[in-house]
Amino acid sequence: MLRHRVLSSLFVLSLLSGCTSMSGAAPSADAETSTSNAPAPFHVERSGKGRPVVFIPGLASSGEVWSETVAHLGGRYDSHVLTLAGFAGQPAIQAPFLETQRRAIAEYLREQGLEKPILVGHSLGGVLALAVAADVPERVGGVVVVDSLPFLPAAMHPGATVESSRPYADQMRTQMRTQSVAQRDEALRQTMQRYITDGARQDVGFRWGTQSDNETVAQAAYDLMTTDLRPLLPRITAPTLVLGSWIALKGHLPRETVEAVYNGQYATLSTARVVMHDTARHFIMWDDPEGFYRELDGFLGAHASVAQVEPHP
C-alpha cells in the first residue's frame, strides 16, 4: 500500500496524464531538424556562446520553461532550448514519440557538431536526456535530470517490467484519448496546482497544455510507461545530477521514502548524484529558482568550465 501511494504521487509529478486539449498547432521556425515538409521533431531556440547546454522541457511544456534559466546563465553558454513536436503549439509527429525524439536529439548533437554538451531535462525531458546519454555516451558531457525517474512503474512494483506495465499504459492512453475537452481542462487545472506553487505559473502551464496535441501527449505518456532505462544506465559515462521533488507528498510520505525511490532507480548509474529539494514542487526551476540555479551553476562549473569560445553561426 505504501509503495502504491508512492507511485501514484510520483506518477502525477512526472506526467500530465490525460489533461491536455486538442488545438491547432502554430508552425515553428529557426533551427529545426527537418529537411522535408514533414514536421520537425522539435523546435530550437539558440543563444549565447561557450560550452553547449541543451535544454529539454517536459510533457506538454514549451521550451519557454527554461527562459529564466537561460537568462540566469547570461549568455556564457551556447544554449539550445527545445520545444518538442506536438507540445505547446508545435506541429505533431507520428508515433512512436519517445523513440523518435531520442534518435532526433542524438542526431542533432552530431549535425550541429556540439562538443560534449550538457543535457538538462525536466520530467519527460529528463528521460530523454538519460536515453540520449546512454545511446551516444561519447557525445554527452553531462546530464541534469529535473524530477524524473528512469522507469516510473517500478516506483510501485520493484519487479515491474515493460510487459507487465503495458496493459495499464494502454488503458491510460485510451482514457486520455477519449476524455472530453472539459474533462481534460479540469484535470490540467488540478495537475498544475499540484505541480506548481505560484498561481501565475500555473496559468502558463495550463496554457501550454491546452495548446498541445492530445494524441501526442497520450502517446508520449504511453511511451514513458513502457520504457525502462534502468538497464541502460551503466552505459552513461557523463556526470549526472538528479534533482528530485518530494514536498507535494509531505504529510503522506516521509522525505526518506521518496528519496529511497530515487536512489534505488539510479543505483546502477555510478556517475549520478541525487539531491532532493525540500520546498520545490515538480517544476523545480520555477518553484525554487535560487536553489535550482545554485545546483546547476555548481554542476556546470565542475563539468562545463572549459568554454568553447567559437561563436555559433
C-alpha atoms as a PDB file:
ATOM      1  CA  MET A   1       0.000   0.000   0.000  1.00  0.00           C
ATOM      2  CA  LEU A   2       2.836   2.390   0.824  1.00  0.00           C
ATOM      3  CA  ARG A   3       4.560   1.768  -2.482  1.00  0.00           C
ATOM      4  CA  HIS A   4       1.239   2.157  -4.283  1.00  0.00           C
ATOM      5  CA  ARG A   5       0.891   5.652  -2.835  1.00  0.00           C
ATOM      6  CA  VAL A   6       4.495   6.406  -3.790  1.00  0.00           C
ATOM      7  CA  LEU A   7       3.834   5.526  -7.414  1.00  0.00           C
ATOM      8  CA  SER A   8       0.536   7.353  -7.558  1.00  0.00           C
ATOM      9  CA  SER A   9       2.133  10.552  -6.308  1.00  0.00           C
ATOM     10  CA  LEU A  10       5.362  10.292  -8.283  1.00  0.00           C
ATOM     11  CA  PHE A  11       3.460   9.432 -11.428  1.00  0.00           C
ATOM     12  CA  VAL A  12       1.325  12.536 -11.020  1.00  0.00           C
ATOM     13  CA  LEU A  13       4.528  14.525 -10.580  1.00  0.00           C
ATOM     14  CA  SER A  14       6.037  13.040 -13.733  1.00  0.00           C
ATOM     15  CA  LEU A  15       3.191  13.036 -16.243  1.00  0.00           C
ATOM     16  CA  LEU A  16       0.413  15.371 -17.278  1.00  0.00           C
ATOM     17  CA  SER A  17      -1.790  12.301 -17.593  1.00  0.00           C
ATOM     18  CA  GLY A  18      -4.970  12.854 -19.549  1.00  0.00           C
ATOM     19  CA  CYS A  19      -5.029  16.575 -19.158  1.00  0.00           C
ATOM     20  CA  THR A  20      -4.497  18.449 -22.405  1.00  0.00           C
ATOM     21  CA  SER A  21      -6.832  19.829 -25.029  1.00  0.00           C
ATOM     22  CA  MET A  22      -6.506  19.497 -28.765  1.00  0.00           C
ATOM     23  CA  SER A  23      -5.724  22.726 -30.544  1.00  0.00           C
ATOM     24  CA  GLY A  24      -4.409  23.975 -33.830  1.00  0.00           C
ATOM     25  CA  ALA A  25      -0.618  23.978 -33.866  1.00  0.00           C
ATOM     26  CA  ALA A  26       1.308  27.033 -34.946  1.00  0.00           C
ATOM     27  CA  PRO A  27       4.283  26.372 -37.243  1.00  0.00           C
ATOM     28  CA  SER A  28       7.722  26.542 -35.687  1.00  0.00           C
ATOM     29  CA  ALA A  29      10.780  28.185 -37.164  1.00  0.00           C
ATOM     30  CA  ASP A  30      14.554  28.621 -36.876  1.00  0.00           C
ATOM     31  CA  ALA A  31      16.877  25.667 -36.276  1.00  0.00           C
ATOM     32  CA  GLU A  32      14.711  22.615 -36.877  1.00  0.00           C
ATOM     33  CA  THR A  33      15.987  19.111 -37.599  1.00  0.00           C
ATOM     34  CA  SER A  34      13.906  18.510 -40.725  1.00  0.00           C
ATOM     35  CA  THR A  35      14.874  18.696 -44.382  1.00  0.00           C
ATOM     36  CA  SER A  36      11.420  17.927 -45.791  1.00  0.00           C
ATOM     37  CA  ASN A  37       7.907  19.256 -45.441  1.00  0.00           C
ATOM     38  CA  ALA A  38       7.255  16.845 -42.563  1.00  0.00           C
ATOM     39  CA  PRO A  39       7.008  18.394 -39.094  1.00  0.00           C
ATOM     40  CA  ALA A  40      10.324  18.581 -37.261  1.00  0.00           C
ATOM     41  CA  PRO A  41      10.842  16.516 -34.090  1.00  0.00           C
ATOM     42  CA  PHE A  42      11.472  19.733 -32.191  1.00  0.00           C
ATOM     43  CA  HIS A  43      11.922  23.467 -32.489  1.00  0.00           C
ATOM     44  CA  VAL A  44      15.167  25.055 -31.265  1.00  0.00           C
ATOM     45  CA  GLU A  45      15.969  28.474 -29.852  1.00  0.00           C
ATOM     46  CA  ARG A  46      19.733  29.039 -29.693  1.00  0.00           C
ATOM     47  CA  SER A  47      21.627  31.796 -27.902  1.00  0.00           C
ATOM     48  CA  GLY A  48      24.909  32.558 -26.165  1.00  0.00           C
ATOM     49  CA  LYS A  49      28.462  31.303 -26.600  1.00  0.00           C
ATOM     50  CA  GLY A  50      30.610  28.742 -24.856  1.00  0.00           C
ATOM     51  CA  ARG A  51      30.094  25.168 -23.772  1.00  0.00           C
ATOM     52  CA  PRO A  52      26.839  23.848 -25.308  1.00  0.00           C
ATOM     53  CA  VAL A  53      23.888  23.172 -23.000  1.00  0.00           C
ATOM     54  CA  VAL A  54      20.750  21.537 -24.418  1.00  0.00           C
ATOM     55  CA  PHE A  55      17.514  22.171 -22.505  1.00  0.00           C
ATOM     56  CA  ILE A  56      14.624  19.703 -22.916  1.00  0.00           C
ATOM     57  CA  PRO A  57      11.198  20.520 -21.407  1.00  0.00           C
ATOM     58  CA  GLY A  58       8.663  18.061 -20.048  1.00  0.00           C
ATOM     59  CA  LEU A  59       5.366  16.687 -21.287  1.00  0.00           C
ATOM     60  CA  ALA A  60       3.138  19.336 -22.883  1.00  0.00           C
ATOM     61  CA  SER A  61       5.586  22.086 -21.927  1.00  0.00           C
ATOM     62  CA  SER A  62       7.194  24.787 -24.029  1.00  0.00           C
ATOM     63  CA  GLY A  63      10.910  25.438 -24.139  1.00  0.00           C
ATOM     64  CA  GLU A  64       9.963  28.769 -22.559  1.00  0.00           C
ATOM     65  CA  VAL A  65      10.009  26.919 -19.239  1.00  0.00           C
ATOM     66  CA  TRP A  66      13.793  27.411 -19.425  1.00  0.00           C
ATOM     67  CA  SER A  67      13.700  31.135 -20.277  1.00  0.00           C
ATOM     68  CA  GLU A  68      14.646  32.323 -16.796  1.00  0.00           C
ATOM     69  CA  THR A  69      17.368  29.676 -16.559  1.00  0.00           C
ATOM     70  CA  VAL A  70      18.917  30.764 -19.845  1.00  0.00           C
ATOM     71  CA  ALA A  71      18.715  34.409 -18.747  1.00  0.00           C
ATOM     72  CA  HIS A  72      20.435  33.452 -15.489  1.00  0.00           C
ATOM     73  CA  LEU A  73      23.311  31.904 -17.446  1.00  0.00           C
ATOM     74  CA  GLY A  74      23.858  35.301 -19.038  1.00  0.00           C
ATOM     75  CA  GLY A  75      25.000  34.133 -22.473  1.00  0.00           C
ATOM     76  CA  ARG A  76      28.018  32.319 -21.007  1.00  0.00           C
ATOM     77  CA  TYR A  77      26.906  29.032 -22.567  1.00  0.00           C
ATOM     78  CA  ASP A  78      25.761  28.031 -26.043  1.00  0.00           C
ATOM     79  CA  SER A  79      22.143  27.336 -25.057  1.00  0.00           C
ATOM     80  CA  HIS A  80      19.895  25.170 -27.223  1.00  0.00           C
ATOM     81  CA  VAL A  81      16.300  25.242 -25.958  1.00  0.00           C
ATOM     82  CA  LEU A  82      13.984  22.630 -27.456  1.00  0.00           C
ATOM     83  CA  THR A  83      10.202  22.538 -27.707  1.00  0.00           C
ATOM     84  CA  LEU A  84       9.147  19.024 -28.661  1.00  0.00           C
ATOM     85  CA  ALA A  85       6.749  18.276 -31.504  1.00  0.00           C
ATOM     86  CA  GLY A  86       3.074  18.309 -30.525  1.00  0.00           C
ATOM     87  CA  PHE A  87       3.675  20.325 -27.344  1.00  0.00           C
ATOM     88  CA  ALA A  88       2.718  23.957 -26.709  1.00  0.00           C
ATOM     89  CA  GLY A  89       1.620  24.630 -30.278  1.00  0.00           C
ATOM     90  CA  GLN A  90       4.348  22.796 -32.186  1.00  0.00           C
ATOM     91  CA  PRO A  91       3.186  20.585 -35.104  1.00  0.00           C
ATOM     92  CA  ALA A  92       2.799  16.940 -34.123  1.00  0.00           C
ATOM     93  CA  ILE A  93       4.774  13.992 -35.480  1.00  0.00           C
ATOM     94  CA  GLN A  94       3.731  10.384 -35.875  1.00  0.00           C
ATOM     95  CA  ALA A  95       4.315   7.727 -33.217  1.00  0.00           C
ATOM     96  CA  PRO A  96       6.493   6.385 -31.729  1.00  0.00           C
ATOM     97  CA  PHE A  97       7.134   9.631 -29.871  1.00  0.00           C
ATOM     98  CA  LEU A  98       9.890   8.865 -27.362  1.00  0.00           C
ATOM     99  CA  GLU A  99      11.988   6.735 -29.692  1.00  0.00           C
ATOM    100  CA  THR A 100      11.755   9.335 -32.456  1.00  0.00           C
ATOM    101  CA  GLN A 101      12.799  12.112 -30.091  1.00  0.00           C
ATOM    102  CA  ARG A 102      15.794  10.310 -28.628  1.00  0.00           C
ATOM    103  CA  ARG A 103      17.111   9.499 -32.106  1.00  0.00           C
ATOM    104  CA  ALA A 104      16.466  13.058 -33.332  1.00  0.00           C
ATOM    105  CA  ILE A 105      18.227  14.684 -30.362  1.00  0.00           C
ATOM    106  CA  ALA A 106      21.263  12.427 -30.771  1.00  0.00           C
ATOM    107  CA  GLU A 107      21.351  13.299 -34.473  1.00  0.00           C
ATOM    108  CA  TYR A 108      21.037  16.996 -33.654  1.00  0.00           C
ATOM    109  CA  LEU A 109      24.103  16.804 -31.415  1.00  0.00           C
ATOM    110  CA  ARG A 110      26.024  15.201 -34.283  1.00  0.00           C
ATOM    111  CA  GLU A 111      24.754  17.522 -37.019  1.00  0.00           C
ATOM    112  CA  GLN A 112      25.500  20.650 -35.004  1.00  0.00           C
ATOM    113  CA  GLY A 113      28.938  19.365 -34.047  1.00  0.00           C
ATOM    114  CA  LEU A 114      28.271  20.049 -30.363  1.00  0.00           C
ATOM    115  CA  GLU A 115      31.312  19.237 -28.253  1.00  0.00           C
ATOM    116  CA  LYS A 116      30.311  17.282 -25.138  1.00  0.00           C
ATOM    117  CA  PRO A 117      27.076  19.213 -24.455  1.00  0.00           C
ATOM    118  CA  ILE A 118      25.365  19.191 -21.086  1.00  0.00           C
ATOM    119  CA  LEU A 119      21.799  17.857 -21.389  1.00  0.00           C
ATOM    120  CA  VAL A 120      19.281  19.401 -18.967  1.00  0.00           C
ATOM    121  CA  GLY A 121      15.861  17.741 -18.969  1.00  0.00           C
ATOM    122  CA  HIS A 122      12.699  18.227 -16.925  1.00  0.00           C
ATOM    123  CA  SER A 123      10.295  15.307 -16.371  1.00  0.00           C
ATOM    124  CA  LEU A 124       9.873  13.647 -19.790  1.00  0.00           C
ATOM    125  CA  GLY A 125      12.844  15.749 -20.873  1.00  0.00           C
ATOM    126  CA  GLY A 126      14.875  14.113 -18.121  1.00  0.00           C
ATOM    127  CA  VAL A 127      14.026  10.685 -19.508  1.00  0.00           C
ATOM    128  CA  LEU A 128      15.112  11.842 -22.963  1.00  0.00           C
ATOM    129  CA  ALA A 129      18.358  13.244 -21.578  1.00  0.00           C
ATOM    130  CA  LEU A 130      19.136   9.904 -19.933  1.00  0.00           C
ATOM    131  CA  ALA A 131      18.212   7.971 -23.081  1.00  0.00           C
ATOM    132  CA  VAL A 132      20.448  10.078 -25.313  1.00  0.00           C
ATOM    133  CA  ALA A 133      23.328   9.902 -22.830  1.00  0.00           C
ATOM    134  CA  ALA A 134      23.002   6.104 -22.872  1.00  0.00           C
ATOM    135  CA  ASP A 135      22.585   5.862 -26.663  1.00  0.00           C
ATOM    136  CA  VAL A 136      25.558   8.084 -27.551  1.00  0.00           C
ATOM    137  CA  PRO A 137      27.673   8.334 -24.383  1.00  0.00           C
ATOM    138  CA  GLU A 138      30.671   9.549 -26.354  1.00  0.00           C
ATOM    139  CA  ARG A 139      28.790  12.711 -27.374  1.00  0.00           C
ATOM    140  CA  VAL A 140      27.410  13.799 -23.983  1.00  0.00           C
ATOM    141  CA  GLY A 141      29.426  15.723 -21.400  1.00  0.00           C
ATOM    142  CA  GLY A 142      26.915  15.830 -18.562  1.00  0.00           C
ATOM    143  CA  VAL A 143      23.282  15.262 -17.628  1.00  0.00           C
ATOM    144  CA  VAL A 144      20.980  17.197 -15.316  1.00  0.00           C
ATOM    145  CA  VAL A 145      17.676  15.426 -14.607  1.00  0.00           C
ATOM    146  CA  VAL A 146      14.936  17.564 -13.062  1.00  0.00           C
ATOM    147  CA  ASP A 147      12.381  15.419 -11.213  1.00  0.00           C
ATOM    148  CA  SER A 148      12.232  12.273 -13.316  1.00  0.00           C
ATOM    149  CA  LEU A 149      12.809   8.536 -12.990  1.00  0.00           C
ATOM    150  CA  PRO A 150      14.201   6.014 -15.485  1.00  0.00           C
ATOM    151  CA  PHE A 151      11.189   3.668 -15.060  1.00  0.00           C
ATOM    152  CA  LEU A 152       8.030   5.059 -13.483  1.00  0.00           C
ATOM    153  CA  PRO A 153       6.102   1.793 -12.880  1.00  0.00           C
ATOM    154  CA  ALA A 154       8.900   0.435 -10.676  1.00  0.00           C
ATOM    155  CA  ALA A 155       8.146   3.148  -8.128  1.00  0.00           C
ATOM    156  CA  MET A 156       5.143   0.991  -7.179  1.00  0.00           C
ATOM    157  CA  HIS A 157       6.355  -2.516  -8.005  1.00  0.00           C
ATOM    158  CA  PRO A 158      10.108  -3.150  -7.820  1.00  0.00           C
ATOM    159  CA  GLY A 159       9.545  -6.181 -10.044  1.00  0.00           C
ATOM    160  CA  ALA A 160       7.600  -4.289 -12.691  1.00  0.00           C
ATOM    161  CA  THR A 161       8.594  -4.848 -16.306  1.00  0.00           C
ATOM    162  CA  VAL A 162       7.693  -3.165 -19.552  1.00  0.00           C
ATOM    163  CA  GLU A 163       5.352  -6.039 -20.401  1.00  0.00           C
ATOM    164  CA  SER A 164       3.602  -6.049 -17.036  1.00  0.00           C
ATOM    165  CA  SER A 165       3.123  -2.278 -17.298  1.00  0.00           C
ATOM    166  CA  ARG A 166       1.768  -2.303 -20.844  1.00  0.00           C
ATOM    167  CA  PRO A 167      -1.911  -3.075 -20.019  1.00  0.00           C
ATOM    168  CA  TYR A 168      -2.111  -0.163 -17.574  1.00  0.00           C
ATOM    169  CA  ALA A 169      -0.300   2.132 -20.002  1.00  0.00           C
ATOM    170  CA  ASP A 170      -2.700   1.157 -22.777  1.00  0.00           C
ATOM    171  CA  GLN A 171      -5.712   1.793 -20.537  1.00  0.00           C
ATOM    172  CA  MET A 172      -4.293   5.186 -19.585  1.00  0.00           C
ATOM    173  CA  ARG A 173      -3.705   6.116 -23.229  1.00  0.00           C
ATOM    174  CA  THR A 174      -7.250   5.122 -24.172  1.00  0.00           C
ATOM    175  CA  GLN A 175      -8.694   7.206 -21.353  1.00  0.00           C
ATOM    176  CA  MET A 176      -6.628  10.207 -22.392  1.00  0.00           C
ATOM    177  CA  ARG A 177      -7.805   9.858 -25.986  1.00  0.00           C
ATOM    178  CA  THR A 178     -11.481   9.633 -25.094  1.00  0.00           C
ATOM    179  CA  GLN A 179     -11.853  12.341 -22.454  1.00  0.00           C
ATOM    180  CA  SER A 180     -13.815  15.423 -23.396  1.00  0.00           C
ATOM    181  CA  VAL A 181     -12.067  18.774 -23.686  1.00  0.00           C
ATOM    182  CA  ALA A 182     -13.810  19.912 -20.499  1.00  0.00           C
ATOM    183  CA  GLN A 183     -12.582  16.842 -18.618  1.00  0.00           C
ATOM    184  CA  ARG A 184      -9.028  17.352 -19.844  1.00  0.00           C
ATOM    185  CA  ASP A 185      -9.043  21.014 -18.938  1.00  0.00           C
ATOM    186  CA  GLU A 186     -10.288  20.292 -15.433  1.00  0.00           C
ATOM    187  CA  ALA A 187      -7.622  17.616 -14.952  1.00  0.00           C
ATOM    188  CA  LEU A 188      -4.999  20.002 -16.281  1.00  0.00           C
ATOM    189  CA  ARG A 189      -6.004  22.731 -13.816  1.00  0.00           C
ATOM    190  CA  GLN A 190      -5.752  20.283 -10.916  1.00  0.00           C
ATOM    191  CA  THR A 191      -2.433  18.954 -12.168  1.00  0.00           C
ATOM    192  CA  MET A 192      -0.921  22.428 -12.432  1.00  0.00           C
ATOM    193  CA  GLN A 193      -1.961  23.128  -8.849  1.00  0.00           C
ATOM    194  CA  ARG A 194      -0.049  20.034  -7.729  1.00  0.00           C
ATOM    195  CA  TYR A 195       2.948  20.769  -9.937  1.00  0.00           C
ATOM    196  CA  ILE A 196       3.476  24.491  -9.358  1.00  0.00           C
ATOM    197  CA  THR A 197       3.080  26.741  -6.310  1.00  0.00           C
ATOM    198  CA  ASP A 198       2.632  30.133  -7.996  1.00  0.00           C
ATOM    199  CA  GLY A 199      -0.812  30.795  -9.495  1.00  0.00           C
ATOM    200  CA  ALA A 200       0.502  32.806 -12.446  1.00  0.00           C
ATOM    201  CA  ARG A 201       2.893  29.999 -13.321  1.00  0.00           C
ATOM    202  CA  GLN A 202       0.025  27.528 -13.094  1.00  0.00           C
ATOM    203  CA  ASP A 203      -1.792  29.577 -15.724  1.00  0.00           C
ATOM    204  CA  VAL A 204       1.230  29.399 -18.021  1.00  0.00           C
ATOM    205  CA  GLY A 205       1.457  25.625 -17.670  1.00  0.00           C
ATOM    206  CA  PHE A 206      -2.275  25.355 -18.296  1.00  0.00           C
ATOM    207  CA  ARG A 207      -1.968  27.425 -21.480  1.00  0.00           C
ATOM    208  CA  TRP A 208       0.818  25.208 -22.810  1.00  0.00           C
ATOM    209  CA  GLY A 209      -1.283  22.148 -22.055  1.00  0.00           C
ATOM    210  CA  THR A 210      -4.305  23.474 -23.937  1.00  0.00           C
ATOM    211  CA  GLN A 211      -2.054  24.286 -26.896  1.00  0.00           C
ATOM    212  CA  SER A 212      -0.685  20.734 -27.002  1.00  0.00           C
ATOM    213  CA  ASP A 213      -1.868  17.939 -29.275  1.00  0.00           C
ATOM    214  CA  ASN A 214      -3.845  15.428 -27.206  1.00  0.00           C
ATOM    215  CA  GLU A 215      -2.830  12.397 -29.267  1.00  0.00           C
ATOM    216  CA  THR A 216       0.840  13.314 -28.895  1.00  0.00           C
ATOM    217  CA  VAL A 217       0.523  13.701 -25.130  1.00  0.00           C
ATOM    218  CA  ALA A 218      -1.352  10.390 -24.828  1.00  0.00           C
ATOM    219  CA  GLN A 219       1.262   8.556 -26.904  1.00  0.00           C
ATOM    220  CA  ALA A 220       4.158  10.180 -25.050  1.00  0.00           C
ATOM    221  CA  ALA A 221       2.648   9.130 -21.715  1.00  0.00           C
ATOM    222  CA  TYR A 222       2.245   5.578 -23.018  1.00  0.00           C
ATOM    223  CA  ASP A 223       5.847   5.530 -24.223  1.00  0.00           C
ATOM    224  CA  LEU A 224       7.076   6.714 -20.828  1.00  0.00           C
ATOM    225  CA  MET A 225       5.161   3.988 -19.020  1.00  0.00           C
ATOM    226  CA  THR A 226       6.607   1.316 -21.336  1.00  0.00           C
ATOM    227  CA  THR A 227      10.231   2.491 -21.409  1.00  0.00           C
ATOM    228  CA  ASP A 228      12.648   1.119 -18.832  1.00  0.00           C
ATOM    229  CA  LEU A 229      16.011   2.894 -18.988  1.00  0.00           C
ATOM    230  CA  ARG A 230      17.452   1.218 -15.895  1.00  0.00           C
ATOM    231  CA  PRO A 231      19.332  -1.483 -17.858  1.00  0.00           C
ATOM    232  CA  LEU A 232      20.909   1.265 -19.984  1.00  0.00           C
ATOM    233  CA  LEU A 233      22.106   3.462 -17.122  1.00  0.00           C
ATOM    234  CA  PRO A 234      25.540   1.756 -16.812  1.00  0.00           C
ATOM    235  CA  ARG A 235      26.267   2.916 -20.376  1.00  0.00           C
ATOM    236  CA  ILE A 236      26.180   6.554 -19.252  1.00  0.00           C
ATOM    237  CA  THR A 237      29.674   7.843 -18.619  1.00  0.00           C
ATOM    238  CA  ALA A 238      28.810  11.526 -18.182  1.00  0.00           C
ATOM    239  CA  PRO A 239      28.483  13.046 -14.701  1.00  0.00           C
ATOM    240  CA  THR A 240      24.818  13.212 -13.769  1.00  0.00           C
ATOM    241  CA  LEU A 241      22.876  15.389 -11.340  1.00  0.00           C
ATOM    242  CA  VAL A 242      19.370  14.259 -10.368  1.00  0.00           C
ATOM    243  CA  LEU A 243      17.134  16.826  -8.688  1.00  0.00           C
ATOM    244  CA  GLY A 244      14.098  15.274  -7.009  1.00  0.00           C
ATOM    245  CA  SER A 245      10.933  16.802  -5.547  1.00  0.00           C
ATOM    246  CA  TRP A 246       9.020  15.431  -2.571  1.00  0.00           C
ATOM    247  CA  ILE A 247       7.248  18.383  -0.935  1.00  0.00           C
ATOM    248  CA  ALA A 248       3.909  17.622  -2.607  1.00  0.00           C
ATOM    249  CA  LEU A 249       3.925  14.351  -0.659  1.00  0.00           C
ATOM    250  CA  LYS A 250       4.520  15.975   2.717  1.00  0.00           C
ATOM    251  CA  GLY A 251       2.032  14.661   5.235  1.00  0.00           C
ATOM    252  CA  HIS A 252       1.577  11.462   3.225  1.00  0.00           C
ATOM    253  CA  LEU A 253       5.094  10.095   2.912  1.00  0.00           C
ATOM    254  CA  PRO A 254       8.357  10.931   4.657  1.00  0.00           C
ATOM    255  CA  ARG A 255      11.134  12.507   2.672  1.00  0.00           C
ATOM    256  CA  GLU A 256      13.325   9.443   3.232  1.00  0.00           C
ATOM    257  CA  THR A 257      10.836   7.160   1.492  1.00  0.00           C
ATOM    258  CA  VAL A 258      10.700   9.277  -1.647  1.00  0.00           C
ATOM    259  CA  GLU A 259      14.467   9.742  -1.651  1.00  0.00           C
ATOM    260  CA  ALA A 260      14.881   5.968  -1.423  1.00  0.00           C
ATOM    261  CA  VAL A 261      12.805   5.555  -4.589  1.00  0.00           C
ATOM    262  CA  TYR A 262      15.101   7.934  -6.460  1.00  0.00           C
ATOM    263  CA  ASN A 263      18.288   6.377  -5.106  1.00  0.00           C
ATOM    264  CA  GLY A 264      17.038   2.902  -5.931  1.00  0.00           C
ATOM    265  CA  GLN A 265      16.202   3.731  -9.520  1.00  0.00           C
ATOM    266  CA  TYR A 266      19.560   5.421 -10.139  1.00  0.00           C
ATOM    267  CA  ALA A 267      21.594   2.812  -8.261  1.00  0.00           C
ATOM    268  CA  THR A 268      23.320   1.476 -11.376  1.00  0.00           C
ATOM    269  CA  LEU A 269      24.293   4.933 -12.635  1.00  0.00           C
ATOM    270  CA  SER A 270      27.644   5.324 -10.918  1.00  0.00           C
ATOM    271  CA  THR A 271      28.064   8.939 -12.031  1.00  0.00           C
ATOM    272  CA  ALA A 272      24.746  10.089 -10.512  1.00  0.00           C
ATOM    273  CA  ARG A 273      24.273  12.355  -7.501  1.00  0.00           C
ATOM    274  CA  VAL A 274      20.688  12.635  -6.206  1.00  0.00           C
ATOM    275  CA  VAL A 275      19.588  15.847  -4.489  1.00  0.00           C
ATOM    276  CA  MET A 276      16.091  16.167  -3.017  1.00  0.00           C
ATOM    277  CA  HIS A 277      14.529  19.637  -2.932  1.00  0.00           C
ATOM    278  CA  ASP A 278      12.679  20.441   0.269  1.00  0.00           C
ATOM    279  CA  THR A 279      10.459  23.291  -0.955  1.00  0.00           C
ATOM    280  CA  ALA A 280      10.012  22.940  -4.712  1.00  0.00           C
ATOM    281  CA  ARG A 281       7.245  21.067  -6.451  1.00  0.00           C
ATOM    282  CA  HIS A 282       7.626  19.316  -9.803  1.00  0.00           C
ATOM    283  CA  PHE A 283       8.690  22.461 -11.707  1.00  0.00           C
ATOM    284  CA  ILE A 284      11.759  22.871  -9.513  1.00  0.00           C
ATOM    285  CA  MET A 285      13.295  25.582 -11.701  1.00  0.00           C
ATOM    286  CA  TRP A 286      10.151  27.700 -11.160  1.00  0.00           C
ATOM    287  CA  ASP A 287       9.335  26.833  -7.556  1.00  0.00           C
ATOM    288  CA  ASP A 288      12.852  27.264  -6.169  1.00  0.00           C
ATOM    289  CA  PRO A 289      14.898  29.138  -8.775  1.00  0.00           C
ATOM    290  CA  GLU A 290      17.651  30.119  -6.343  1.00  0.00           C
ATOM    291  CA  GLY A 291      18.135  26.539  -5.214  1.00  0.00           C
ATOM    292  CA  PHE A 292      17.943  25.250  -8.774  1.00  0.00           C
ATOM    293  CA  TYR A 293      20.452  27.804 -10.063  1.00  0.00           C
ATOM    294  CA  ARG A 294      22.794  27.004  -7.202  1.00  0.00           C
ATOM    295  CA  GLU A 295      22.818  23.311  -8.121  1.00  0.00           C
ATOM    296  CA  LEU A 296      23.006  23.973 -11.873  1.00  0.00           C
ATOM    297  CA  ASP A 297      25.796  26.531 -11.527  1.00  0.00           C
ATOM    298  CA  GLY A 298      27.769  24.149  -9.339  1.00  0.00           C
ATOM    299  CA  PHE A 299      27.351  21.329 -11.831  1.00  0.00           C
ATOM    300  CA  LEU A 300      28.251  23.461 -14.848  1.00  0.00           C
ATOM    301  CA  GLY A 301      31.196  24.940 -13.006  1.00  0.00           C
ATOM    302  CA  ALA A 302      32.530  21.488 -12.217  1.00  0.00           C
ATOM    303  CA  HIS A 303      31.803  19.799 -15.542  1.00  0.00           C
ATOM    304  CA  ALA A 304      31.452  22.517 -18.182  1.00  0.00           C
ATOM    305  CA  SER A 305      34.061  25.035 -17.109  1.00  0.00           C
ATOM    306  CA  VAL A 306      36.131  24.689 -20.295  1.00  0.00           C
ATOM    307  CA  ALA A 307      34.233  27.002 -22.644  1.00  0.00           C
ATOM    308  CA  GLN A 308      34.142  26.620 -26.394  1.00  0.00           C
ATOM    309  CA  VAL A 309      34.971  30.141 -27.455  1.00  0.00           C
ATOM    310  CA  GLU A 310      33.944  29.966 -31.115  1.00  0.00           C
ATOM    311  CA  PRO A 311      30.550  31.628 -31.695  1.00  0.00           C
ATOM    312  CA  HIS A 312      27.836  29.560 -33.357  1.00  0.00           C
ATOM    313  CA  PRO A 313      26.822  30.511 -36.906  1.00  0.00           C
END
